[in-house]
Protein backbone atom coordinates (compact mmCIF):
# COMPACT_ATOMS: atom_id res chain seq x y z
CA UNK A 1 69.37 7.56 120.13
CA UNK A 2 70.40 10.55 122.20
CA UNK A 3 69.64 10.57 125.94
CA UNK A 4 66.28 12.33 125.52
CA UNK A 5 65.17 9.77 122.92
CA UNK A 6 66.28 6.93 125.19
CA UNK A 7 64.15 8.17 128.09
CA UNK A 8 61.24 8.83 125.73
CA UNK A 9 61.52 5.29 124.36
CA UNK A 10 61.09 3.92 127.88
CA UNK A 11 57.56 5.32 127.97
CA UNK A 12 56.48 3.06 125.06
CA UNK A 13 54.93 6.03 123.19
CA UNK A 14 52.67 4.09 120.82
CA UNK A 15 51.15 2.08 123.66
CA UNK A 16 50.67 5.20 125.80
CA UNK A 17 49.04 7.04 122.87
CA UNK A 18 46.43 4.28 122.63
CA UNK A 19 45.87 4.44 126.40
CA UNK A 20 45.33 8.20 126.31
CA UNK A 21 43.04 7.88 123.28
CA UNK A 22 40.83 5.35 125.12
CA UNK A 23 40.81 7.59 128.20
CA UNK A 24 39.83 10.54 126.00
CA UNK A 25 36.82 8.61 124.73
CA UNK A 26 35.70 8.12 128.33
CA UNK A 27 36.08 11.86 128.99
CA UNK A 28 34.15 12.93 125.90
CA UNK A 29 31.28 10.50 126.49
CA UNK A 30 30.97 11.76 130.07
CA UNK A 31 30.11 15.24 128.75
CA UNK A 32 26.50 15.45 127.43
CA UNK A 33 27.24 18.21 124.91
CA UNK A 34 30.21 20.03 123.47
CA UNK A 35 32.81 20.65 126.20
CA UNK A 36 33.06 24.21 127.52
CA UNK A 37 36.37 25.93 128.24
CA UNK A 38 36.51 24.60 131.79
CA UNK A 39 35.89 21.03 130.62
CA UNK A 40 38.50 21.40 127.88
CA UNK A 41 40.96 22.32 130.62
CA UNK A 42 39.94 19.21 132.56
CA UNK A 43 40.44 17.07 129.45
CA UNK A 44 43.89 18.54 128.88
CA UNK A 45 44.98 17.95 132.48
CA UNK A 46 43.56 14.43 132.46
CA UNK A 47 45.38 13.51 129.25
CA UNK A 48 48.63 14.91 130.65
CA UNK A 49 48.31 13.16 134.00
CA UNK A 50 47.29 9.81 132.53
CA UNK A 51 50.09 10.03 129.94
CA UNK A 52 52.67 10.67 132.66
CA UNK A 53 51.53 7.82 134.92
CA UNK A 54 51.15 5.41 131.98
CA UNK A 55 54.63 6.38 130.78
CA UNK A 56 55.95 5.77 134.30
CA UNK A 57 54.43 2.28 134.33
CA UNK A 58 55.97 1.53 130.93
CA UNK A 59 59.40 2.75 132.10
CA UNK A 60 59.18 0.59 135.23
CA UNK A 61 58.21 -2.37 133.05
CA UNK A 62 61.30 -1.77 130.89
CA UNK A 63 63.46 -1.71 134.02
CA UNK A 64 62.06 -4.90 135.52
CA UNK A 65 62.08 -6.82 132.24
CA UNK A 66 65.41 -5.63 130.85
CA UNK A 67 66.81 -9.18 130.98
CA UNK A 68 63.79 -10.60 129.18
CA UNK A 69 63.78 -7.75 126.66
CA UNK A 70 67.43 -8.41 125.81
CA UNK A 71 66.54 -11.96 124.70
CA UNK A 72 63.71 -10.92 122.39
CA UNK A 73 64.28 -9.43 118.94
CA UNK A 74 61.16 -7.26 119.30
CA UNK A 75 62.41 -5.55 122.47
CA UNK A 76 66.22 -5.92 122.43
CA UNK A 77 66.59 -2.33 121.18
CA UNK A 78 65.16 -0.79 124.36
CA UNK A 79 67.69 1.42 126.23
CA UNK A 80 67.44 -0.60 129.45
CA UNK A 81 67.94 -3.89 127.59
CA UNK A 82 71.00 -2.48 125.78
CA UNK A 83 72.44 -1.00 128.97
CA UNK A 84 72.28 2.56 127.63
CA UNK A 85 70.37 3.66 130.73
CA UNK A 86 71.19 2.38 134.21
CA UNK A 87 68.66 0.85 136.61
CA UNK A 88 68.86 3.93 138.82
CA UNK A 89 68.20 6.28 135.91
CA UNK A 90 65.17 4.27 134.80
CA UNK A 91 63.83 4.03 138.36
CA UNK A 92 64.21 7.76 139.03
CA UNK A 93 62.63 8.59 135.66
CA UNK A 94 59.65 6.31 136.37
CA UNK A 95 59.22 7.68 139.89
CA UNK A 96 59.33 11.32 138.76
CA UNK A 97 56.80 10.74 135.98
CA UNK A 98 54.46 8.90 138.35
CA UNK A 99 54.76 11.59 141.04
CA UNK A 100 54.12 14.49 138.64
CA UNK A 101 51.26 12.68 136.90
CA UNK A 102 49.62 11.77 140.20
CA UNK A 103 49.92 15.37 141.42
CA UNK A 104 48.32 16.67 138.22
CA UNK A 105 45.40 14.26 138.59
CA UNK A 106 44.93 14.83 142.34
CA UNK A 107 45.06 18.62 142.47
CA UNK A 108 44.08 19.39 138.89
CA UNK A 109 41.07 17.05 138.77
CA UNK A 110 39.97 14.91 141.71
CA UNK A 111 41.40 12.32 144.13
CA UNK A 112 39.37 9.44 142.65
CA UNK A 113 41.05 9.79 139.25
CA UNK A 114 44.48 9.83 140.88
CA UNK A 115 43.74 6.75 143.02
CA UNK A 116 42.33 4.80 140.07
CA UNK A 117 45.26 5.76 137.84
CA UNK A 118 47.81 4.85 140.51
CA UNK A 119 46.00 1.54 141.09
CA UNK A 120 46.32 0.91 137.35
CA UNK A 121 50.05 1.66 137.62
CA UNK A 122 50.41 -0.90 140.42
CA UNK A 123 48.25 -3.42 138.54
CA UNK A 124 50.41 -3.23 135.41
CA UNK A 125 53.89 -2.52 136.75
CA UNK A 126 53.76 -4.75 139.83
CA UNK A 127 50.95 -7.33 139.77
CA UNK A 128 51.10 -8.07 136.03
CA UNK A 129 54.82 -7.56 135.32
CA UNK A 130 56.31 -9.04 138.49
CA UNK A 131 53.74 -11.68 139.48
CA UNK A 132 51.37 -12.77 136.72
CA UNK A 133 53.52 -12.54 133.59
CA UNK A 134 56.24 -14.98 134.70
CA UNK A 135 53.88 -17.38 136.53
CA UNK A 136 50.78 -18.14 134.45
CA UNK A 137 49.78 -18.39 130.78
CA UNK A 138 46.62 -16.51 131.77
CA UNK A 139 48.75 -13.44 132.49
CA UNK A 140 47.22 -11.50 129.61
CA UNK A 141 43.66 -12.33 130.69
CA UNK A 142 44.06 -11.38 134.35
CA UNK A 143 46.50 -8.55 133.77
CA UNK A 144 44.26 -7.17 131.05
CA UNK A 145 42.08 -5.62 133.76
CA UNK A 146 44.63 -2.85 134.35
CA UNK A 147 45.04 -2.25 130.61
CA UNK A 148 41.27 -1.91 130.24
CA UNK A 149 40.98 0.93 132.75
CA UNK A 150 41.62 4.06 130.59
CA UNK A 151 37.94 4.79 129.78
CA UNK A 152 37.13 4.50 133.50
CA UNK A 153 39.95 6.95 134.29
CA UNK A 154 38.67 9.37 131.67
CA UNK A 155 35.10 9.15 132.92
CA UNK A 156 36.20 9.70 136.54
CA UNK A 157 38.32 12.68 135.52
CA UNK A 158 35.24 14.53 134.26
CA UNK A 159 32.48 13.29 136.58
CA UNK A 160 34.34 12.36 139.75
CA UNK A 161 32.71 8.93 139.73
CA UNK A 162 32.73 5.58 137.93
CA UNK A 163 29.69 5.23 135.69
CA UNK A 164 28.23 2.08 134.08
CA UNK A 165 29.05 3.49 130.64
CA UNK A 166 32.75 3.55 131.45
CA UNK A 167 32.58 -0.01 132.77
CA UNK A 168 31.08 -1.16 129.46
CA UNK A 169 34.03 0.36 127.61
CA UNK A 170 36.37 -1.23 130.13
CA UNK A 171 34.78 -4.64 129.45
CA UNK A 172 35.28 -4.22 125.69
CA UNK A 173 39.01 -3.53 126.10
CA UNK A 174 39.32 -6.35 128.65
CA UNK A 175 37.89 -8.87 126.16
CA UNK A 176 39.87 -7.38 123.26
CA UNK A 177 43.24 -7.76 125.00
CA UNK A 178 43.72 -11.58 124.95
CA UNK A 179 43.12 -12.16 121.21
CA UNK A 180 45.21 -9.07 120.44
CA UNK A 181 48.27 -10.25 122.40
CA UNK A 182 47.91 -13.96 121.65
CA UNK A 183 48.00 -13.21 117.92
CA UNK A 184 51.31 -11.44 118.55
CA UNK A 185 52.58 -14.30 120.71
CA UNK A 186 51.85 -16.82 117.93
CA UNK A 187 54.22 -15.31 115.40
CA UNK A 188 56.72 -14.23 118.07
CA UNK A 189 56.71 -17.61 119.78
CA UNK A 190 60.47 -18.15 119.49
CA UNK A 191 61.10 -14.82 121.17
CA UNK A 192 58.83 -15.75 124.06
CA UNK A 193 60.38 -19.22 124.29
CA UNK A 194 63.82 -17.65 124.67
CA UNK A 195 62.49 -15.28 127.31
CA UNK A 196 61.13 -18.10 129.45
CA UNK A 197 57.70 -16.48 129.81
CA UNK A 198 54.79 -18.97 129.98
CA UNK A 199 52.78 -17.54 127.11
CA UNK A 200 49.75 -19.56 126.01
CA UNK A 201 51.17 -20.75 122.63
CA UNK A 202 54.15 -22.21 124.51
CA UNK A 203 52.28 -23.86 127.38
CA UNK A 204 49.19 -25.05 125.47
CA UNK A 205 50.25 -25.05 121.83
CA UNK A 206 49.30 -23.12 118.73
CA UNK A 207 45.99 -24.86 118.00
CA UNK A 208 44.59 -24.29 121.49
CA UNK A 209 45.68 -20.64 121.40
CA UNK A 210 44.06 -20.09 118.04
CA UNK A 211 40.81 -21.59 119.32
CA UNK A 212 40.89 -19.24 122.31
CA UNK A 213 41.47 -16.27 120.01
CA UNK A 214 38.43 -17.20 117.92
CA UNK A 215 36.21 -17.73 120.98
CA UNK A 216 37.27 -14.44 122.53
CA UNK A 217 36.44 -12.55 119.33
CA UNK A 218 32.92 -14.01 119.49
CA UNK A 219 32.42 -12.85 123.08
CA UNK A 220 33.98 -9.52 122.15
CA UNK A 221 31.48 -9.10 119.32
CA UNK A 222 28.63 -9.41 121.83
CA UNK A 223 30.30 -6.93 124.21
CA UNK A 224 30.74 -4.41 121.39
CA UNK A 225 26.95 -4.29 121.00
CA UNK A 226 26.46 -3.17 124.61
CA UNK A 227 26.96 0.58 124.05
CA UNK A 228 24.06 0.50 121.58
CA UNK A 229 21.92 -1.72 123.81
CA UNK A 230 22.54 0.55 126.82
CA UNK A 231 21.64 3.68 124.85
CA UNK A 232 25.13 5.16 124.70
CA UNK A 233 25.10 5.27 120.90
CA UNK A 234 22.91 5.10 117.82
CA UNK A 235 22.90 3.07 114.63
CA UNK A 236 26.13 4.62 113.29
CA UNK A 237 28.21 3.05 116.04
CA UNK A 238 26.23 -0.18 115.74
CA UNK A 239 27.02 -0.54 112.03
CA UNK A 240 30.74 0.07 112.58
CA UNK A 241 30.85 -2.19 115.65
CA UNK A 242 29.21 -5.10 113.82
CA UNK A 243 31.40 -4.65 110.73
CA UNK A 244 34.77 -4.48 112.51
CA UNK A 245 33.85 -7.20 115.01
CA UNK A 246 32.84 -9.58 112.21
CA UNK A 247 36.10 -8.67 110.49
CA UNK A 248 38.09 -9.52 113.63
CA UNK A 249 36.23 -12.82 113.96
CA UNK A 250 36.87 -13.60 110.28
CA UNK A 251 40.61 -13.17 110.82
CA UNK A 252 40.45 -15.29 113.96
CA UNK A 253 38.46 -18.03 112.22
CA UNK A 254 40.89 -18.12 109.29
CA UNK A 255 43.79 -18.25 111.74
CA UNK A 256 42.18 -21.16 113.59
CA UNK A 257 41.56 -23.13 110.38
CA UNK A 258 44.91 -22.58 108.67
CA UNK A 259 47.78 -20.99 110.61
CA UNK A 260 50.58 -18.92 109.13
CA UNK A 261 52.83 -16.25 110.62
CA UNK A 262 51.65 -13.82 107.94
CA UNK A 263 48.01 -14.33 108.94
CA UNK A 264 48.86 -14.00 112.64
CA UNK A 265 50.52 -10.65 111.90
CA UNK A 266 47.48 -9.50 109.94
CA UNK A 267 45.21 -10.56 112.81
CA UNK A 268 47.32 -8.63 115.30
CA UNK A 269 47.33 -5.51 113.12
CA UNK A 270 43.60 -5.74 112.48
CA UNK A 271 42.97 -5.95 116.22
CA UNK A 272 44.49 -2.48 116.55
CA UNK A 273 42.36 -1.20 113.67
CA UNK A 274 39.32 -2.81 115.31
CA UNK A 275 39.73 -0.96 118.60
CA UNK A 276 40.58 2.38 117.00
CA UNK A 277 37.64 2.29 114.58
CA UNK A 278 35.29 1.10 117.32
CA UNK A 279 36.13 3.97 119.65
CA UNK A 280 36.34 6.52 116.83
CA UNK A 281 32.84 5.50 115.75
CA UNK A 282 31.63 5.89 119.33
CA UNK A 283 33.14 9.38 119.41
CA UNK A 284 31.64 10.47 116.08
CA UNK A 285 28.28 8.94 116.97
CA UNK A 286 28.26 10.86 120.25
CA UNK A 287 28.63 14.22 118.54
CA UNK A 288 26.52 13.57 115.47
CA UNK A 289 23.53 11.75 116.92
CA UNK A 290 23.38 11.85 120.70
CA UNK A 291 24.03 15.52 121.44
């Protein structure tokens, strides 16, 4: 990779794209009808600011965990782990992204969005990465709160407040996070063992982890019905939510009954499909039926 690609890789683009997508859903749902030109400008600024701050958090994570990343096949290619970028370069890059993103959110939108986004940065880059991740197997559960914030950020960017609708979406992502990451940890267990991180499959074993994945998908299924129950959506979202949530549970149940690395990979990949289809259905439903 050239230098530009190395810095870009630090932002974990695929992860940040999902974050911005979830924030975008919060923005769109906060607007009763089709967005006007002014609101489109707000959406653009919000996506830019959230992308910059999320990218800054990812870069800081790469800096702090460069030693851990170097031990894991999945992350050993990262520029900080390979020594292609120095600590100072990564720190300056993260700081600049965070500063620019925060300025965009503060002056382009409203202070609340900036404060919430910066709090999310601290929650992920400091509390989760530095404190929770190396200390407890519940790191994903507790730290998932910061990863679940994008819809709240998007809602605040448009309305200047935190609405119950955004908190429902936040709850869905919060409950989705543990089964998503634990499925990954199951088939990457040797990587995590080398890293020394106390991931649940290492501290409590595969069977216990698989049971937790299955139980979380059940609770998640119930949470995915809340947008319909609260009146945020119509039957279109409900049908999709039930279908993909049952699909996620089916994968989790099969994984619990008969483990294989192949099935764990499929469960992890389906979890991504689950969240994307769920939020896409919410978006389509909003424009087709609730406007």
